[in-house]
């Protein structure tokens, strides 16, 4: 039960994390999985790719397919809507952090 609740909560954090990095530079799945692992999020590609796809459907990310070492790699970058949502999320996250930090 607790794992389900934490997973649901952390999915929002993962979305924000994706937006943050996709704004800095285009990201791709295996890189993003490693980045998330460095921050304690142990998710699979089966979890990450549906997140990418839903964020793309919601207009937060745009995908660019690039050929890398003979294979197609999908890179994701933020859209203007994604940048706006990230800015809003930062404000809300900061307010929440100030309230719960003690």
N, C-alpha and C. Protein backbone atom coordinates (compact mmCIF):
# COMPACT_ATOMS: atom_id res chain seq x y z
N UNK A 1 0.82 -1.20 0.00
CA UNK A 1 0.00 0.00 0.00
C UNK A 1 0.86 1.26 0.00
N UNK A 2 1.84 1.32 0.92
CA UNK A 2 2.69 2.50 1.00
C UNK A 2 3.46 2.71 -0.29
N UNK A 3 3.94 1.61 -0.89
CA UNK A 3 4.68 1.73 -2.15
C UNK A 3 3.82 2.35 -3.23
N UNK A 4 2.55 1.96 -3.30
CA UNK A 4 1.65 2.52 -4.30
C UNK A 4 1.45 4.01 -4.10
N UNK A 5 1.28 4.42 -2.86
CA UNK A 5 1.06 5.83 -2.54
C UNK A 5 2.31 6.64 -2.88
N UNK A 6 3.48 6.15 -2.47
CA UNK A 6 4.73 6.86 -2.77
C UNK A 6 4.97 6.92 -4.27
N UNK A 7 4.71 5.83 -4.96
CA UNK A 7 4.92 5.81 -6.42
C UNK A 7 4.04 6.86 -7.09
N UNK A 8 2.79 6.94 -6.67
CA UNK A 8 1.87 7.93 -7.23
C UNK A 8 2.38 9.35 -6.97
N UNK A 9 2.84 9.60 -5.76
CA UNK A 9 3.37 10.91 -5.40
C UNK A 9 4.62 11.23 -6.22
N UNK A 10 5.53 10.27 -6.31
CA UNK A 10 6.80 10.51 -7.00
C UNK A 10 6.65 10.66 -8.51
N UNK A 11 5.57 10.14 -9.08
CA UNK A 11 5.36 10.31 -10.52
C UNK A 11 5.27 11.79 -10.90
N UNK A 12 4.66 12.59 -10.04
CA UNK A 12 4.62 14.03 -10.29
C UNK A 12 6.00 14.64 -10.27
N UNK A 13 6.83 14.20 -9.32
CA UNK A 13 8.21 14.70 -9.26
C UNK A 13 8.98 14.30 -10.51
N UNK A 14 8.73 13.08 -10.99
CA UNK A 14 9.42 12.61 -12.19
C UNK A 14 9.04 13.47 -13.40
N UNK A 15 7.77 13.81 -13.51
CA UNK A 15 7.33 14.69 -14.61
C UNK A 15 8.08 16.03 -14.56
N UNK A 16 8.19 16.60 -13.39
CA UNK A 16 8.90 17.87 -13.24
C UNK A 16 10.37 17.69 -13.60
N UNK A 17 10.95 16.60 -13.16
CA UNK A 17 12.36 16.32 -13.46
C UNK A 17 12.57 16.21 -14.98
N UNK A 18 11.68 15.51 -15.65
CA UNK A 18 11.77 15.38 -17.12
C UNK A 18 11.69 16.76 -17.76
N UNK A 19 10.74 17.57 -17.35
CA UNK A 19 10.61 18.91 -17.93
C UNK A 19 11.88 19.74 -17.70
N UNK A 20 12.42 19.66 -16.50
CA UNK A 20 13.63 20.42 -16.18
C UNK A 20 14.76 20.07 -17.14
N UNK A 21 15.03 18.79 -17.30
CA UNK A 21 16.16 18.39 -18.16
C UNK A 21 15.86 18.58 -19.65
N UNK A 22 14.62 18.35 -20.04
CA UNK A 22 14.26 18.54 -21.45
C UNK A 22 14.29 20.00 -21.85
N UNK A 23 14.19 20.89 -20.88
CA UNK A 23 14.33 22.32 -21.17
C UNK A 23 15.80 22.67 -21.38
N UNK A 24 16.69 22.04 -20.60
CA UNK A 24 18.13 22.32 -20.72
C UNK A 24 18.70 21.83 -22.04
N UNK A 25 18.30 20.63 -22.44
CA UNK A 25 18.78 20.02 -23.68
C UNK A 25 17.87 18.84 -24.00
N UNK A 26 17.80 18.43 -25.27
CA UNK A 26 16.97 17.26 -25.59
C UNK A 26 17.44 16.02 -24.83
N UNK A 27 16.48 15.26 -24.30
CA UNK A 27 16.79 14.05 -23.53
C UNK A 27 16.25 12.82 -24.25
N UNK A 28 16.84 11.68 -23.95
CA UNK A 28 16.35 10.42 -24.49
C UNK A 28 16.23 9.42 -23.35
N UNK A 29 15.52 8.35 -23.59
CA UNK A 29 15.12 7.42 -22.56
C UNK A 29 16.20 6.89 -21.66
N UNK A 30 17.24 6.26 -22.21
CA UNK A 30 18.25 5.64 -21.35
C UNK A 30 19.00 6.68 -20.53
N UNK A 31 19.24 7.85 -21.10
CA UNK A 31 19.90 8.92 -20.34
C UNK A 31 19.01 9.37 -19.18
N UNK A 32 17.71 9.54 -19.48
CA UNK A 32 16.79 10.02 -18.45
C UNK A 32 16.63 8.98 -17.35
N UNK A 33 16.60 7.70 -17.69
CA UNK A 33 16.52 6.65 -16.67
C UNK A 33 17.71 6.72 -15.73
N UNK A 34 18.90 6.90 -16.30
CA UNK A 34 20.11 6.99 -15.47
C UNK A 34 20.08 8.24 -14.59
N UNK A 35 19.65 9.34 -15.15
CA UNK A 35 19.55 10.59 -14.38
C UNK A 35 18.58 10.41 -13.21
N UNK A 36 17.45 9.80 -13.46
CA UNK A 36 16.47 9.59 -12.41
C UNK A 36 17.01 8.63 -11.34
N UNK A 37 17.74 7.61 -11.76
CA UNK A 37 18.34 6.67 -10.80
C UNK A 37 19.31 7.38 -9.87
N UNK A 38 20.06 8.33 -10.40
CA UNK A 38 21.00 9.09 -9.58
C UNK A 38 20.28 9.87 -8.47
N UNK A 39 19.00 10.11 -8.66
CA UNK A 39 18.20 10.84 -7.67
C UNK A 39 17.27 9.92 -6.89
N UNK A 40 17.49 8.62 -7.02
CA UNK A 40 16.74 7.66 -6.22
C UNK A 40 15.43 7.17 -6.81
N UNK A 41 15.14 7.52 -8.06
CA UNK A 41 13.93 7.04 -8.72
C UNK A 41 14.29 5.81 -9.54
N UNK A 42 13.88 4.65 -9.08
CA UNK A 42 14.19 3.41 -9.79
C UNK A 42 12.97 2.98 -10.59
N UNK A 43 12.87 3.55 -11.79
CA UNK A 43 11.75 3.20 -12.66
C UNK A 43 12.30 2.50 -13.89
N UNK A 44 11.42 1.81 -14.57
CA UNK A 44 11.81 1.08 -15.77
C UNK A 44 11.46 1.90 -17.01
N UNK A 45 11.97 1.44 -18.14
CA UNK A 45 11.61 2.10 -19.40
C UNK A 45 10.12 1.93 -19.67
N UNK A 46 9.53 0.86 -19.15
CA UNK A 46 8.09 0.63 -19.28
C UNK A 46 7.26 1.64 -18.52
N UNK A 47 7.87 2.33 -17.60
CA UNK A 47 7.21 3.44 -16.88
C UNK A 47 7.56 4.77 -17.53
N UNK A 48 8.83 4.95 -17.90
CA UNK A 48 9.28 6.23 -18.44
C UNK A 48 8.67 6.56 -19.79
N UNK A 49 8.66 5.60 -20.71
CA UNK A 49 8.18 5.92 -22.06
C UNK A 49 6.70 6.33 -22.08
N UNK A 50 5.83 5.68 -21.31
CA UNK A 50 4.46 6.21 -21.26
C UNK A 50 4.38 7.63 -20.69
N UNK A 51 5.30 7.97 -19.79
CA UNK A 51 5.36 9.35 -19.28
C UNK A 51 5.73 10.29 -20.41
N UNK A 52 6.79 9.95 -21.17
CA UNK A 52 7.17 10.76 -22.33
C UNK A 52 5.98 10.93 -23.28
N UNK A 53 5.30 9.82 -23.59
CA UNK A 53 4.20 9.86 -24.56
C UNK A 53 3.04 10.70 -24.06
N UNK A 54 2.71 10.58 -22.77
CA UNK A 54 1.60 11.39 -22.26
C UNK A 54 1.97 12.87 -22.22
N UNK A 55 3.22 13.17 -21.89
CA UNK A 55 3.66 14.57 -21.87
C UNK A 55 3.68 15.14 -23.29
N UNK A 56 4.00 14.29 -24.26
CA UNK A 56 3.97 14.73 -25.66
C UNK A 56 2.51 14.98 -26.09
N UNK A 57 1.61 14.07 -25.74
CA UNK A 57 0.18 14.25 -26.06
C UNK A 57 -0.39 15.51 -25.42
N UNK A 58 0.09 15.82 -24.20
CA UNK A 58 -0.39 17.00 -23.49
C UNK A 58 0.25 18.30 -23.99
N UNK A 59 1.15 18.19 -24.95
CA UNK A 59 1.78 19.38 -25.52
C UNK A 59 2.92 19.94 -24.71
N UNK A 60 3.46 19.14 -23.76
CA UNK A 60 4.56 19.61 -22.93
C UNK A 60 5.92 19.30 -23.53
N UNK A 61 5.99 18.23 -24.30
CA UNK A 61 7.23 17.81 -24.94
C UNK A 61 7.01 17.66 -26.44
N UNK A 62 8.09 17.82 -27.17
CA UNK A 62 8.09 17.55 -28.61
C UNK A 62 9.20 16.54 -28.86
N UNK A 63 8.93 15.59 -29.73
CA UNK A 63 9.88 14.51 -30.02
C UNK A 63 10.58 14.74 -31.35
N UNK A 64 11.86 14.43 -31.36
CA UNK A 64 12.64 14.46 -32.60
C UNK A 64 13.36 13.12 -32.71
N UNK A 65 13.14 12.42 -33.81
CA UNK A 65 13.82 11.16 -34.05
C UNK A 65 15.15 11.42 -34.74
N UNK A 66 16.23 10.85 -34.17
CA UNK A 66 17.57 11.00 -34.75
C UNK A 66 18.18 9.62 -34.93
N UNK A 67 18.92 9.47 -36.01
CA UNK A 67 19.63 8.21 -36.24
C UNK A 67 20.96 8.27 -35.48
N UNK A 68 21.16 7.32 -34.57
CA UNK A 68 22.37 7.25 -33.75
C UNK A 68 22.89 5.82 -33.83
N UNK A 69 24.09 5.67 -34.36
CA UNK A 69 24.72 4.35 -34.49
C UNK A 69 23.79 3.35 -35.18
N UNK A 70 23.15 3.81 -36.25
CA UNK A 70 22.30 2.96 -37.05
C UNK A 70 20.91 2.71 -36.50
N UNK A 71 20.59 3.29 -35.35
CA UNK A 71 19.27 3.11 -34.75
C UNK A 71 18.60 4.46 -34.57
N UNK A 72 17.28 4.44 -34.53
CA UNK A 72 16.52 5.67 -34.28
C UNK A 72 16.41 5.88 -32.78
N UNK A 73 16.84 7.05 -32.34
CA UNK A 73 16.72 7.44 -30.93
C UNK A 73 15.75 8.61 -30.86
N UNK A 74 14.83 8.53 -29.92
CA UNK A 74 13.83 9.58 -29.73
C UNK A 74 14.32 10.57 -28.69
N UNK A 75 14.44 11.83 -29.10
CA UNK A 75 14.85 12.90 -28.20
C UNK A 75 13.63 13.77 -27.89
N UNK A 76 13.53 14.19 -26.64
CA UNK A 76 12.41 15.01 -26.20
C UNK A 76 12.91 16.35 -25.67
N UNK A 77 12.23 17.41 -26.10
CA UNK A 77 12.50 18.78 -25.66
C UNK A 77 11.19 19.40 -25.20
N UNK A 78 11.29 20.42 -24.36
CA UNK A 78 10.07 21.08 -23.91
C UNK A 78 9.52 22.00 -25.00
N UNK A 79 8.22 22.15 -24.96
CA UNK A 79 7.54 23.13 -25.80
C UNK A 79 7.37 24.40 -24.97
N UNK A 80 6.80 25.44 -25.55
CA UNK A 80 6.54 26.65 -24.76
C UNK A 80 5.55 26.34 -23.64
N UNK A 81 4.58 25.48 -23.89
CA UNK A 81 3.64 25.07 -22.84
C UNK A 81 4.38 24.31 -21.74
N UNK A 82 5.30 23.43 -22.13
CA UNK A 82 6.10 22.69 -21.16
C UNK A 82 6.94 23.62 -20.30
N UNK A 83 7.51 24.65 -20.92
CA UNK A 83 8.30 25.63 -20.16
C UNK A 83 7.43 26.39 -19.18
N UNK A 84 6.23 26.76 -19.60
CA UNK A 84 5.30 27.46 -18.72
C UNK A 84 4.91 26.58 -17.53
N UNK A 85 4.58 25.32 -17.81
CA UNK A 85 4.19 24.39 -16.74
C UNK A 85 5.36 24.18 -15.78
N UNK A 86 6.58 24.08 -16.31
CA UNK A 86 7.76 23.92 -15.45
C UNK A 86 7.92 25.13 -14.54
N UNK A 87 7.77 26.32 -15.10
CA UNK A 87 7.88 27.53 -14.28
C UNK A 87 6.84 27.53 -13.16
N UNK A 88 5.62 27.16 -13.48
CA UNK A 88 4.55 27.09 -12.48
C UNK A 88 4.87 26.03 -11.42
N UNK A 89 5.36 24.89 -11.87
CA UNK A 89 5.70 23.80 -10.93
C UNK A 89 6.82 24.22 -9.99
N UNK A 90 7.79 24.97 -10.51
CA UNK A 90 8.89 25.45 -9.66
C UNK A 90 8.37 26.35 -8.54
N UNK A 91 7.44 27.23 -8.88
CA UNK A 91 6.87 28.13 -7.87
C UNK A 91 6.14 27.31 -6.81
N UNK A 92 5.32 26.38 -7.25
CA UNK A 92 4.56 25.56 -6.31
C UNK A 92 5.48 24.68 -5.47
N UNK A 93 6.50 24.10 -6.09
CA UNK A 93 7.44 23.23 -5.37
C UNK A 93 8.21 24.04 -4.33
N UNK A 94 8.59 25.25 -4.67
CA UNK A 94 9.32 26.10 -3.73
C UNK A 94 8.45 26.44 -2.52
N UNK A 95 7.21 26.81 -2.80
CA UNK A 95 6.27 27.12 -1.71
C UNK A 95 6.07 25.91 -0.81
N UNK A 96 5.90 24.75 -1.41
CA UNK A 96 5.72 23.52 -0.63
C UNK A 96 6.96 23.21 0.19
N UNK A 97 8.13 23.33 -0.41
CA UNK A 97 9.39 23.06 0.29
C UNK A 97 9.53 23.97 1.52
N UNK A 98 9.24 25.26 1.34
CA UNK A 98 9.32 26.19 2.47
C UNK A 98 8.40 25.77 3.60
N UNK A 99 7.25 25.25 3.25
CA UNK A 99 6.28 24.87 4.27
C UNK A 99 6.65 23.57 4.99
N UNK A 100 7.20 22.61 4.28
CA UNK A 100 7.43 21.28 4.89
C UNK A 100 8.88 21.02 5.31
N UNK A 101 9.79 21.94 5.08
CA UNK A 101 11.21 21.67 5.31
C UNK A 101 11.56 21.39 6.77
N UNK A 102 10.79 21.82 7.69
CA UNK A 102 11.11 21.60 9.11
C UNK A 102 10.37 20.43 9.69
